N, C-alpha and C. Protein backbone atom coordinates (compact mmCIF):
# COMPACT_ATOMS: atom_id res chain seq x y z
N MET A 1 0.86 -1.18 0.04
CA MET A 1 -0.03 0.03 0.03
C MET A 1 0.83 1.27 -0.06
N HIS A 2 0.27 2.27 -0.46
CA HIS A 2 1.01 3.68 -0.41
C HIS A 2 0.40 4.39 0.75
N TYR A 3 1.28 5.18 1.43
CA TYR A 3 0.84 6.12 2.56
C TYR A 3 1.50 7.47 2.29
N LEU A 4 0.78 8.52 2.57
CA LEU A 4 1.19 9.87 2.34
C LEU A 4 1.33 10.43 3.84
N LEU A 5 2.59 10.97 4.03
CA LEU A 5 2.89 11.69 5.28
C LEU A 5 2.85 13.14 4.99
N PHE A 6 1.90 13.84 5.59
CA PHE A 6 1.69 15.26 5.43
C PHE A 6 2.30 16.03 6.65
N TYR A 7 3.06 17.00 6.30
CA TYR A 7 3.60 17.94 7.36
C TYR A 7 2.99 19.24 7.18
N ASP A 8 2.54 19.86 8.20
CA ASP A 8 2.26 21.37 8.20
C ASP A 8 3.38 22.11 9.07
N PHE A 9 4.10 22.93 8.35
CA PHE A 9 5.23 23.63 8.89
C PHE A 9 4.87 24.86 9.74
N VAL A 10 5.63 25.32 10.58
CA VAL A 10 5.48 26.52 11.36
C VAL A 10 5.92 27.65 10.33
N PRO A 11 5.46 28.83 10.64
CA PRO A 11 5.75 29.91 9.73
C PRO A 11 7.18 30.22 9.61
N SER A 12 8.02 29.94 10.64
CA SER A 12 9.54 30.12 10.51
C SER A 12 10.27 29.00 9.89
N TYR A 13 9.63 28.06 9.30
CA TYR A 13 10.23 26.85 8.75
C TYR A 13 11.43 27.18 7.95
N LEU A 14 11.21 28.07 6.90
CA LEU A 14 12.35 28.27 6.02
C LEU A 14 13.60 28.90 6.70
N ASP A 15 13.38 29.72 7.76
CA ASP A 15 14.36 30.34 8.44
C ASP A 15 15.20 29.32 9.30
N ARG A 16 14.48 28.46 9.86
CA ARG A 16 14.96 27.59 10.92
C ARG A 16 15.46 26.17 10.34
N ARG A 17 15.09 25.74 9.20
CA ARG A 17 15.45 24.39 8.74
C ARG A 17 16.94 24.08 8.43
N GLY A 18 17.71 25.11 8.18
CA GLY A 18 19.20 25.01 7.98
C GLY A 18 19.84 24.09 8.94
N ALA A 19 19.52 24.39 10.16
CA ALA A 19 20.22 23.54 11.33
C ALA A 19 19.90 22.09 11.29
N PHE A 20 18.79 21.71 10.70
CA PHE A 20 18.37 20.31 10.78
C PHE A 20 18.28 19.61 9.40
N ARG A 21 18.52 20.35 8.34
CA ARG A 21 18.37 19.83 6.98
C ARG A 21 19.17 18.66 6.64
N THR A 22 20.41 18.72 7.00
CA THR A 22 21.30 17.58 6.63
C THR A 22 20.83 16.30 7.28
N GLU A 23 20.52 16.33 8.59
CA GLU A 23 20.01 15.09 9.30
C GLU A 23 18.72 14.63 8.69
N HIS A 24 17.76 15.62 8.35
CA HIS A 24 16.47 15.21 7.80
C HIS A 24 16.71 14.53 6.46
N LEU A 25 17.51 15.05 5.64
CA LEU A 25 17.82 14.50 4.30
C LEU A 25 18.52 13.09 4.39
N ARG A 26 19.44 12.98 5.33
CA ARG A 26 20.07 11.70 5.60
C ARG A 26 19.06 10.65 5.97
N LEU A 27 18.14 11.03 6.94
CA LEU A 27 17.11 10.09 7.26
C LEU A 27 16.17 9.68 6.06
N ALA A 28 15.79 10.66 5.21
CA ALA A 28 14.97 10.49 4.07
C ALA A 28 15.61 9.61 3.02
N TRP A 29 16.93 9.83 2.73
CA TRP A 29 17.62 9.05 1.70
C TRP A 29 17.84 7.59 2.19
N GLU A 30 18.12 7.39 3.46
CA GLU A 30 18.25 6.15 4.03
C GLU A 30 16.85 5.33 3.93
N SER A 31 15.75 6.01 4.14
CA SER A 31 14.48 5.36 4.00
C SER A 31 14.24 5.07 2.56
N GLN A 32 14.58 5.89 1.67
CA GLN A 32 14.47 5.65 0.15
C GLN A 32 15.26 4.40 -0.26
N ARG A 33 16.59 4.24 0.26
CA ARG A 33 17.43 3.19 -0.08
C ARG A 33 16.79 1.86 0.37
N ARG A 34 16.02 1.92 1.46
CA ARG A 34 15.43 0.64 2.00
C ARG A 34 14.10 0.25 1.20
N GLY A 35 13.78 1.24 0.35
CA GLY A 35 12.52 1.01 -0.45
C GLY A 35 11.25 1.47 0.20
N GLU A 36 11.30 2.22 1.27
CA GLU A 36 10.18 2.64 1.99
C GLU A 36 9.71 4.00 1.42
N LEU A 37 10.55 4.95 1.38
CA LEU A 37 10.19 6.24 0.95
C LEU A 37 10.30 6.36 -0.57
N ILE A 38 9.18 6.70 -1.32
CA ILE A 38 9.15 6.69 -2.72
C ILE A 38 9.63 8.19 -3.33
N LEU A 39 8.93 9.13 -2.73
CA LEU A 39 9.15 10.58 -3.01
C LEU A 39 8.91 11.33 -1.81
N GLY A 40 9.59 12.56 -1.71
CA GLY A 40 9.28 13.45 -0.66
C GLY A 40 9.79 14.82 -1.00
N GLY A 41 9.12 15.82 -0.42
CA GLY A 41 9.55 17.24 -0.64
C GLY A 41 8.59 18.17 0.05
N ALA A 42 8.96 19.50 -0.08
CA ALA A 42 8.24 20.52 0.42
C ALA A 42 7.30 21.09 -0.55
N LEU A 43 6.11 21.43 -0.10
CA LEU A 43 5.30 22.27 -0.90
C LEU A 43 5.78 23.65 -1.26
N ALA A 44 5.51 24.20 -2.29
CA ALA A 44 6.10 25.54 -2.61
C ALA A 44 5.06 26.60 -2.93
N ASP A 45 5.42 27.79 -2.59
CA ASP A 45 4.51 29.04 -2.89
C ASP A 45 3.07 28.89 -2.34
N PRO A 46 2.99 28.84 -1.04
CA PRO A 46 3.99 29.01 0.00
C PRO A 46 4.58 27.72 0.51
N ALA A 47 5.70 27.80 1.08
CA ALA A 47 6.49 26.65 1.70
C ALA A 47 5.84 26.41 3.07
N ASP A 48 4.68 25.97 3.09
CA ASP A 48 3.94 25.84 4.42
C ASP A 48 3.68 24.28 4.85
N GLY A 49 4.22 23.42 3.96
CA GLY A 49 4.00 21.97 4.33
C GLY A 49 4.87 21.04 3.39
N GLY A 50 4.83 19.80 3.82
CA GLY A 50 5.55 18.85 2.96
C GLY A 50 4.84 17.57 2.80
N VAL A 51 5.10 16.80 1.86
CA VAL A 51 4.41 15.56 1.54
C VAL A 51 5.56 14.45 1.23
N LEU A 52 5.33 13.29 1.87
CA LEU A 52 6.19 12.22 1.55
C LEU A 52 5.50 10.90 1.32
N LEU A 53 5.80 10.29 0.28
CA LEU A 53 5.02 9.08 -0.12
C LEU A 53 5.92 7.86 0.21
N PHE A 54 5.18 6.91 1.02
CA PHE A 54 5.84 5.80 1.54
C PHE A 54 5.13 4.48 0.92
N LYS A 55 5.81 3.40 0.85
CA LYS A 55 5.24 2.19 0.34
C LYS A 55 5.50 1.11 1.48
N GLY A 56 4.44 0.48 1.90
CA GLY A 56 4.64 -0.52 2.97
C GLY A 56 3.27 -1.20 3.33
N ASP A 57 3.30 -2.22 4.28
CA ASP A 57 2.25 -2.90 4.64
C ASP A 57 1.33 -2.17 5.60
N SER A 58 1.81 -1.13 6.20
CA SER A 58 0.96 -0.41 7.22
C SER A 58 1.52 1.01 7.23
N PRO A 59 0.88 1.89 7.98
CA PRO A 59 1.29 3.30 8.15
C PRO A 59 2.45 3.39 9.02
N LYS A 60 2.90 2.42 9.75
CA LYS A 60 3.90 2.38 10.67
C LYS A 60 5.28 3.05 10.13
N LEU A 61 5.72 2.67 8.93
CA LEU A 61 6.93 3.32 8.36
C LEU A 61 6.86 4.75 8.31
N ALA A 62 5.75 5.36 7.84
CA ALA A 62 5.63 6.78 7.77
C ALA A 62 5.54 7.28 9.23
N GLU A 63 4.84 6.74 10.08
CA GLU A 63 4.89 7.22 11.41
C GLU A 63 6.13 7.09 12.14
N LYS A 64 6.88 6.04 11.84
CA LYS A 64 8.29 5.98 12.53
C LYS A 64 9.16 7.05 11.92
N PHE A 65 9.08 7.35 10.65
CA PHE A 65 9.85 8.29 10.05
C PHE A 65 9.61 9.68 10.73
N ALA A 66 8.31 10.06 10.83
CA ALA A 66 7.99 11.35 11.41
C ALA A 66 8.43 11.51 12.84
N ALA A 67 8.36 10.37 13.56
CA ALA A 67 8.85 10.37 15.04
C ALA A 67 10.35 10.65 15.12
N ALA A 68 11.07 10.13 14.13
CA ALA A 68 12.59 10.37 14.12
C ALA A 68 13.07 11.56 13.47
N ASP A 69 12.13 12.25 12.63
CA ASP A 69 12.56 13.32 11.85
C ASP A 69 12.96 14.52 12.66
N PRO A 70 14.14 15.14 12.51
CA PRO A 70 14.63 16.30 13.30
C PRO A 70 13.63 17.57 13.02
N TYR A 71 12.97 17.55 11.93
CA TYR A 71 12.10 18.67 11.65
C TYR A 71 10.93 18.52 12.67
N VAL A 72 10.42 17.32 12.96
CA VAL A 72 9.35 17.12 13.92
C VAL A 72 9.91 17.33 15.25
N LYS A 73 11.01 16.66 15.64
CA LYS A 73 11.57 16.64 16.92
C LYS A 73 11.96 18.17 17.45
N ASN A 74 12.28 19.03 16.49
CA ASN A 74 12.72 20.33 16.77
C ASN A 74 11.59 21.49 16.53
N GLY A 75 10.45 21.04 16.43
CA GLY A 75 9.32 22.01 16.31
C GLY A 75 9.18 22.73 15.00
N LEU A 76 9.75 22.28 13.91
CA LEU A 76 9.51 22.93 12.57
C LEU A 76 8.20 22.46 11.92
N VAL A 77 7.80 21.26 12.41
CA VAL A 77 6.48 20.74 11.95
C VAL A 77 5.48 20.93 13.17
N ARG A 78 4.40 21.61 12.85
CA ARG A 78 3.32 21.90 13.94
C ARG A 78 2.42 20.74 13.95
N HIS A 79 2.28 19.98 12.90
CA HIS A 79 1.19 18.90 12.85
C HIS A 79 1.66 18.08 11.71
N TRP A 80 1.49 16.72 11.97
CA TRP A 80 1.64 15.66 10.79
C TRP A 80 0.60 14.63 10.94
N ARG A 81 0.35 14.08 9.78
CA ARG A 81 -0.73 13.00 9.72
C ARG A 81 -0.27 12.09 8.58
N VAL A 82 -0.75 10.90 8.70
CA VAL A 82 -0.52 9.84 7.68
C VAL A 82 -1.94 9.42 7.14
N ARG A 83 -2.03 9.28 5.78
CA ARG A 83 -3.16 8.88 5.14
C ARG A 83 -2.84 7.75 4.15
N GLN A 84 -3.58 6.66 4.13
CA GLN A 84 -3.49 5.69 3.15
C GLN A 84 -3.94 6.23 1.73
N TRP A 85 -3.18 5.85 0.74
CA TRP A 85 -3.57 6.43 -0.59
C TRP A 85 -3.70 5.27 -1.55
N SER A 86 -4.92 5.04 -2.03
CA SER A 86 -5.33 4.04 -2.97
C SER A 86 -4.86 4.43 -4.35
N THR A 87 -3.77 3.84 -4.87
CA THR A 87 -3.19 4.33 -6.09
C THR A 87 -3.66 3.31 -7.20
N VAL A 88 -4.22 3.84 -8.25
CA VAL A 88 -4.82 2.95 -9.35
C VAL A 88 -4.16 3.20 -10.74
N VAL A 89 -3.50 4.31 -10.93
CA VAL A 89 -2.88 4.48 -12.25
C VAL A 89 -1.40 4.82 -12.02
N GLY A 90 -0.66 4.25 -13.01
CA GLY A 90 0.75 4.32 -12.93
C GLY A 90 1.57 3.11 -12.73
N GLU A 91 2.80 3.07 -13.12
CA GLU A 91 3.56 1.92 -13.02
C GLU A 91 3.85 1.38 -11.60
N GLN A 92 3.84 2.17 -10.64
CA GLN A 92 3.90 1.83 -9.19
C GLN A 92 2.54 1.77 -8.49
N ALA A 93 1.44 1.85 -9.15
CA ALA A 93 0.15 1.75 -8.52
C ALA A 93 0.02 0.39 -7.78
N THR A 94 -0.56 0.40 -6.54
CA THR A 94 -0.63 -0.79 -5.80
C THR A 94 -1.93 -1.57 -6.20
N ASP A 95 -2.98 -0.90 -6.77
CA ASP A 95 -4.13 -1.44 -7.19
C ASP A 95 -4.49 -1.04 -8.54
N PRO A 96 -3.81 -1.41 -9.70
CA PRO A 96 -4.09 -0.87 -10.97
C PRO A 96 -5.49 -1.06 -11.43
N VAL A 97 -6.17 -0.09 -11.95
CA VAL A 97 -7.43 -0.25 -12.62
C VAL A 97 -7.38 0.25 -14.01
N HIS A 98 -7.64 -0.67 -14.96
CA HIS A 98 -7.57 -0.06 -16.46
C HIS A 98 -9.01 -0.07 -16.88
N PRO A 99 -9.34 0.81 -17.77
CA PRO A 99 -10.61 0.99 -18.41
C PRO A 99 -10.94 -0.41 -19.25
N GLU A 100 -12.19 -0.64 -19.18
CA GLU A 100 -12.71 -1.90 -19.91
C GLU A 100 -12.79 -1.72 -21.42
């Protein structure tokens, strides 16, 4: 299954992320190498949130990532949530549906 991890950033996110960005990116790339994190990044214009796409059997991988993320641990993320995403179109869709 696919799971989306949504971050809501604090207003000072861009000013404060520098101190934690290297560790955040290290955590993300390690998760990607293990095949857990598919894509991730910040929303733009405005940079008020982020979205990370995980693949796994449960939301636990995304939840574990958020709990370990220095952005979360240091207050740059004011709220986060995980949602299951039913993907039906694309090469990596977990439940492909084609027109009849």
